[in-house]
Amino acid sequence: RNTKYPEDKVYSLFGIFDVHMPILYGEGRQKASKRLLDKVHEDYLCLEKLWPTDLRKPHVEKERIELAKGSLLPNAYRWVFDNPDFKR
C-alpha cells in the first residue's frame, strides 16, 4: 500500500483490528504502532475477563474444577454433539 506518511501504514490496520483511535499525524510509525498494540492488548484483557475459564491453561482449569467439585462430570459435554446448531 502506498502511503503519504509513515504512520499511515499503522492507521490502515485500525479497521482490521476494529480499533477506534485518533489519528495523530506527525507521531511517526513507531509511536503509532505502540498505541495500536496497546489498544489491542487493552481490548484483549477486557474480553479475557469475560471468559469463564482460562483457555490458555486447560489443565489448570481441570484441576480447579476437580478440587472444587470433586471431579469432572463424565460425559457432561455430550449434549453438544446432539445439539442441532452444533451439527450445522
N, C-alpha and C. Protein backbone atom coordinates (compact mmCIF):
# COMPACT_ATOMS: atom_id res chain seq x y z
N ARG A 1 0.84 -1.17 0.00
CA ARG A 1 0.00 0.00 0.00
C ARG A 1 0.89 1.24 0.00
N ASN A 2 0.60 2.17 -0.87
CA ASN A 2 1.32 3.43 -0.90
C ASN A 2 0.71 4.39 0.11
N THR A 3 1.56 4.98 0.93
CA THR A 3 1.07 5.91 1.94
C THR A 3 1.87 7.20 1.88
N LYS A 4 1.27 8.27 2.35
CA LYS A 4 1.93 9.57 2.35
C LYS A 4 2.84 9.72 3.57
N TYR A 5 2.35 9.26 4.73
CA TYR A 5 3.11 9.38 5.97
C TYR A 5 3.45 7.99 6.49
N PRO A 6 4.59 7.86 7.19
CA PRO A 6 4.98 6.53 7.70
C PRO A 6 3.92 5.90 8.60
N GLU A 7 3.24 6.72 9.40
CA GLU A 7 2.25 6.18 10.34
C GLU A 7 0.97 5.72 9.64
N ASP A 8 0.78 6.11 8.38
CA ASP A 8 -0.42 5.69 7.64
C ASP A 8 -0.51 4.17 7.51
N LYS A 9 0.63 3.50 7.44
CA LYS A 9 0.61 2.03 7.35
C LYS A 9 0.00 1.43 8.61
N VAL A 10 0.27 2.04 9.74
CA VAL A 10 -0.31 1.58 11.01
C VAL A 10 -1.78 1.94 11.06
N TYR A 11 -2.12 3.17 10.66
CA TYR A 11 -3.51 3.62 10.69
C TYR A 11 -4.40 2.75 9.81
N SER A 12 -3.82 2.19 8.76
CA SER A 12 -4.62 1.34 7.87
C SER A 12 -5.03 0.04 8.55
N LEU A 13 -4.41 -0.30 9.66
CA LEU A 13 -4.74 -1.52 10.40
C LEU A 13 -5.87 -1.31 11.41
N PHE A 14 -6.23 -0.07 11.68
CA PHE A 14 -7.27 0.21 12.67
C PHE A 14 -8.56 -0.56 12.37
N GLY A 15 -8.99 -0.54 11.13
CA GLY A 15 -10.23 -1.22 10.76
C GLY A 15 -10.13 -2.73 10.89
N ILE A 16 -8.98 -3.28 10.56
CA ILE A 16 -8.77 -4.73 10.65
C ILE A 16 -8.92 -5.19 12.10
N PHE A 17 -8.40 -4.39 13.02
CA PHE A 17 -8.48 -4.74 14.44
C PHE A 17 -9.71 -4.15 15.13
N ASP A 18 -10.57 -3.50 14.35
CA ASP A 18 -11.79 -2.87 14.88
C ASP A 18 -11.45 -1.92 16.04
N VAL A 19 -10.44 -1.09 15.80
CA VAL A 19 -9.95 -0.16 16.79
C VAL A 19 -10.35 1.25 16.38
N HIS A 20 -10.82 2.02 17.34
CA HIS A 20 -11.19 3.42 17.10
C HIS A 20 -10.28 4.29 17.97
N MET A 21 -9.34 4.94 17.29
CA MET A 21 -8.38 5.80 17.98
C MET A 21 -8.16 7.04 17.14
N PRO A 22 -7.73 8.13 17.77
CA PRO A 22 -7.45 9.33 16.98
C PRO A 22 -6.21 9.14 16.11
N ILE A 23 -6.25 9.74 14.95
CA ILE A 23 -5.09 9.74 14.06
C ILE A 23 -4.26 10.96 14.41
N LEU A 24 -3.01 10.73 14.74
CA LEU A 24 -2.12 11.81 15.17
C LEU A 24 -0.96 11.93 14.19
N TYR A 25 -1.18 12.66 13.12
CA TYR A 25 -0.12 12.82 12.14
C TYR A 25 1.08 13.51 12.77
N GLY A 26 2.24 13.00 12.45
CA GLY A 26 3.48 13.54 13.00
C GLY A 26 4.04 12.68 14.12
N GLU A 27 3.26 11.68 14.60
CA GLU A 27 3.75 10.86 15.70
C GLU A 27 4.74 9.80 15.22
N GLY A 28 4.75 9.50 13.95
CA GLY A 28 5.68 8.50 13.42
C GLY A 28 5.12 7.09 13.52
N ARG A 29 5.73 6.21 12.72
CA ARG A 29 5.26 4.83 12.65
C ARG A 29 5.45 4.08 13.96
N GLN A 30 6.58 4.29 14.61
CA GLN A 30 6.87 3.53 15.83
C GLN A 30 5.88 3.87 16.96
N LYS A 31 5.61 5.14 17.17
CA LYS A 31 4.68 5.53 18.23
C LYS A 31 3.26 5.10 17.89
N ALA A 32 2.88 5.22 16.61
CA ALA A 32 1.55 4.78 16.19
C ALA A 32 1.40 3.27 16.40
N SER A 33 2.46 2.52 16.10
CA SER A 33 2.44 1.06 16.30
C SER A 33 2.26 0.72 17.77
N LYS A 34 2.97 1.43 18.63
CA LYS A 34 2.84 1.16 20.06
C LYS A 34 1.43 1.48 20.55
N ARG A 35 0.87 2.58 20.10
CA ARG A 35 -0.51 2.92 20.51
C ARG A 35 -1.48 1.84 20.05
N LEU A 36 -1.32 1.36 18.82
CA LEU A 36 -2.21 0.32 18.29
C LEU A 36 -2.07 -0.96 19.11
N LEU A 37 -0.84 -1.39 19.35
CA LEU A 37 -0.63 -2.62 20.12
C LEU A 37 -1.18 -2.49 21.54
N ASP A 38 -0.99 -1.32 22.15
CA ASP A 38 -1.53 -1.11 23.50
C ASP A 38 -3.05 -1.21 23.51
N LYS A 39 -3.68 -0.64 22.50
CA LYS A 39 -5.15 -0.66 22.42
C LYS A 39 -5.66 -2.08 22.19
N VAL A 40 -5.02 -2.81 21.29
CA VAL A 40 -5.43 -4.19 21.01
C VAL A 40 -5.25 -5.03 22.28
N HIS A 41 -4.15 -4.84 22.98
CA HIS A 41 -3.89 -5.58 24.21
C HIS A 41 -4.92 -5.22 25.28
N GLU A 42 -5.25 -3.95 25.39
CA GLU A 42 -6.27 -3.49 26.35
C GLU A 42 -7.62 -4.15 26.06
N ASP A 43 -8.00 -4.20 24.79
CA ASP A 43 -9.27 -4.84 24.41
C ASP A 43 -9.24 -6.33 24.72
N TYR A 44 -8.10 -6.97 24.47
CA TYR A 44 -7.95 -8.40 24.75
C TYR A 44 -8.12 -8.67 26.24
N LEU A 45 -7.48 -7.86 27.08
CA LEU A 45 -7.59 -8.06 28.53
C LEU A 45 -9.01 -7.87 29.01
N CYS A 46 -9.72 -6.93 28.41
CA CYS A 46 -11.12 -6.70 28.78
C CYS A 46 -11.96 -7.93 28.43
N LEU A 47 -11.78 -8.48 27.25
CA LEU A 47 -12.53 -9.67 26.84
C LEU A 47 -12.14 -10.89 27.66
N GLU A 48 -10.87 -10.98 28.02
CA GLU A 48 -10.39 -12.12 28.79
C GLU A 48 -11.14 -12.26 30.12
N LYS A 49 -11.54 -11.14 30.71
CA LYS A 49 -12.26 -11.16 31.98
C LYS A 49 -13.66 -11.77 31.83
N LEU A 50 -14.17 -11.82 30.61
CA LEU A 50 -15.49 -12.39 30.37
C LEU A 50 -15.44 -13.91 30.19
N TRP A 51 -14.26 -14.46 29.94
CA TRP A 51 -14.14 -15.90 29.74
C TRP A 51 -14.40 -16.62 31.05
N PRO A 52 -15.20 -17.69 31.02
CA PRO A 52 -15.48 -18.42 32.26
C PRO A 52 -14.28 -19.21 32.76
N THR A 53 -13.36 -19.54 31.87
CA THR A 53 -12.17 -20.29 32.25
C THR A 53 -10.97 -19.69 31.54
N ASP A 54 -9.80 -20.06 32.01
CA ASP A 54 -8.57 -19.62 31.37
C ASP A 54 -8.27 -20.58 30.23
N LEU A 55 -8.60 -20.17 29.01
CA LEU A 55 -8.48 -21.05 27.85
C LEU A 55 -7.03 -21.36 27.50
N ARG A 56 -6.11 -20.59 28.05
CA ARG A 56 -4.70 -20.85 27.76
C ARG A 56 -4.14 -21.97 28.63
N LYS A 57 -4.83 -22.30 29.72
CA LYS A 57 -4.33 -23.30 30.67
C LYS A 57 -5.42 -24.29 31.03
N PRO A 58 -5.84 -25.13 30.10
CA PRO A 58 -6.95 -26.05 30.40
C PRO A 58 -6.63 -27.01 31.54
N HIS A 59 -5.37 -27.41 31.69
CA HIS A 59 -5.03 -28.34 32.78
C HIS A 59 -5.24 -27.69 34.15
N VAL A 60 -4.99 -26.39 34.24
CA VAL A 60 -5.21 -25.67 35.50
C VAL A 60 -6.70 -25.60 35.79
N GLU A 61 -7.50 -25.35 34.77
CA GLU A 61 -8.95 -25.29 34.96
C GLU A 61 -9.51 -26.65 35.36
N LYS A 62 -8.97 -27.71 34.76
CA LYS A 62 -9.41 -29.06 35.10
C LYS A 62 -9.13 -29.34 36.59
N GLU A 63 -7.93 -28.99 37.03
CA GLU A 63 -7.58 -29.20 38.44
C GLU A 63 -8.46 -28.35 39.36
N ARG A 64 -8.74 -27.11 38.95
CA ARG A 64 -9.57 -26.22 39.77
C ARG A 64 -10.98 -26.80 39.94
N ILE A 65 -11.54 -27.31 38.85
CA ILE A 65 -12.88 -27.90 38.91
C ILE A 65 -12.88 -29.16 39.77
N GLU A 66 -11.85 -29.98 39.59
CA GLU A 66 -11.77 -31.21 40.38
C GLU A 66 -11.65 -30.91 41.88
N LEU A 67 -10.88 -29.88 42.23
CA LEU A 67 -10.75 -29.51 43.64
C LEU A 67 -12.06 -28.95 44.19
N ALA A 68 -12.76 -28.17 43.39
CA ALA A 68 -13.99 -27.53 43.86
C ALA A 68 -15.17 -28.50 43.88
N LYS A 69 -15.25 -29.39 42.89
CA LYS A 69 -16.43 -30.25 42.73
C LYS A 69 -16.17 -31.73 43.00
N GLY A 70 -14.91 -32.09 43.18
CA GLY A 70 -14.60 -33.49 43.42
C GLY A 70 -14.15 -34.21 42.16
N SER A 71 -14.74 -33.89 41.04
CA SER A 71 -14.33 -34.48 39.77
C SER A 71 -15.07 -33.77 38.64
N LEU A 72 -14.66 -34.09 37.44
CA LEU A 72 -15.39 -33.60 36.27
C LEU A 72 -16.58 -34.52 36.06
N LEU A 73 -17.67 -33.98 35.60
CA LEU A 73 -18.83 -34.81 35.32
C LEU A 73 -18.58 -35.64 34.06
N PRO A 74 -18.68 -36.95 34.16
CA PRO A 74 -18.46 -37.76 32.97
C PRO A 74 -19.52 -37.46 31.91
N ASN A 75 -19.07 -37.30 30.72
CA ASN A 75 -19.95 -37.06 29.56
C ASN A 75 -20.79 -35.79 29.67
N ALA A 76 -20.37 -34.83 30.47
CA ALA A 76 -21.13 -33.59 30.63
C ALA A 76 -21.19 -32.78 29.35
N TYR A 77 -20.28 -33.04 28.46
CA TYR A 77 -20.21 -32.29 27.21
C TYR A 77 -21.00 -32.96 26.08
N ARG A 78 -21.49 -34.14 26.28
CA ARG A 78 -22.14 -34.91 25.21
C ARG A 78 -23.34 -34.20 24.59
N TRP A 79 -24.06 -33.38 25.38
CA TRP A 79 -25.24 -32.69 24.87
C TRP A 79 -24.88 -31.82 23.66
N VAL A 80 -23.65 -31.36 23.62
CA VAL A 80 -23.23 -30.50 22.50
C VAL A 80 -23.34 -31.26 21.19
N PHE A 81 -22.94 -32.51 21.19
CA PHE A 81 -22.96 -33.30 19.95
C PHE A 81 -24.37 -33.56 19.45
N ASP A 82 -25.34 -33.54 20.34
CA ASP A 82 -26.74 -33.75 19.95
C ASP A 82 -27.45 -32.45 19.58
N ASN A 83 -26.82 -31.34 19.84
CA ASN A 83 -27.42 -30.03 19.56
C ASN A 83 -27.42 -29.78 18.05
N PRO A 84 -28.58 -29.47 17.45
CA PRO A 84 -28.65 -29.26 16.00
C PRO A 84 -27.80 -28.08 15.53
N ASP A 85 -27.63 -27.07 16.36
CA ASP A 85 -26.78 -25.94 15.97
C ASP A 85 -25.33 -26.36 15.83
N PHE A 86 -24.89 -27.29 16.69
CA PHE A 86 -23.52 -27.78 16.62
C PHE A 86 -23.30 -28.60 15.35
N LYS A 87 -24.32 -29.35 14.95
CA LYS A 87 -24.19 -30.22 13.78
C LYS A 87 -24.09 -29.44 12.47
N ARG A 88 -24.56 -28.17 12.47
CA ARG A 88 -24.51 -27.37 11.25
C ARG A 88 -23.15 -27.08 10.86
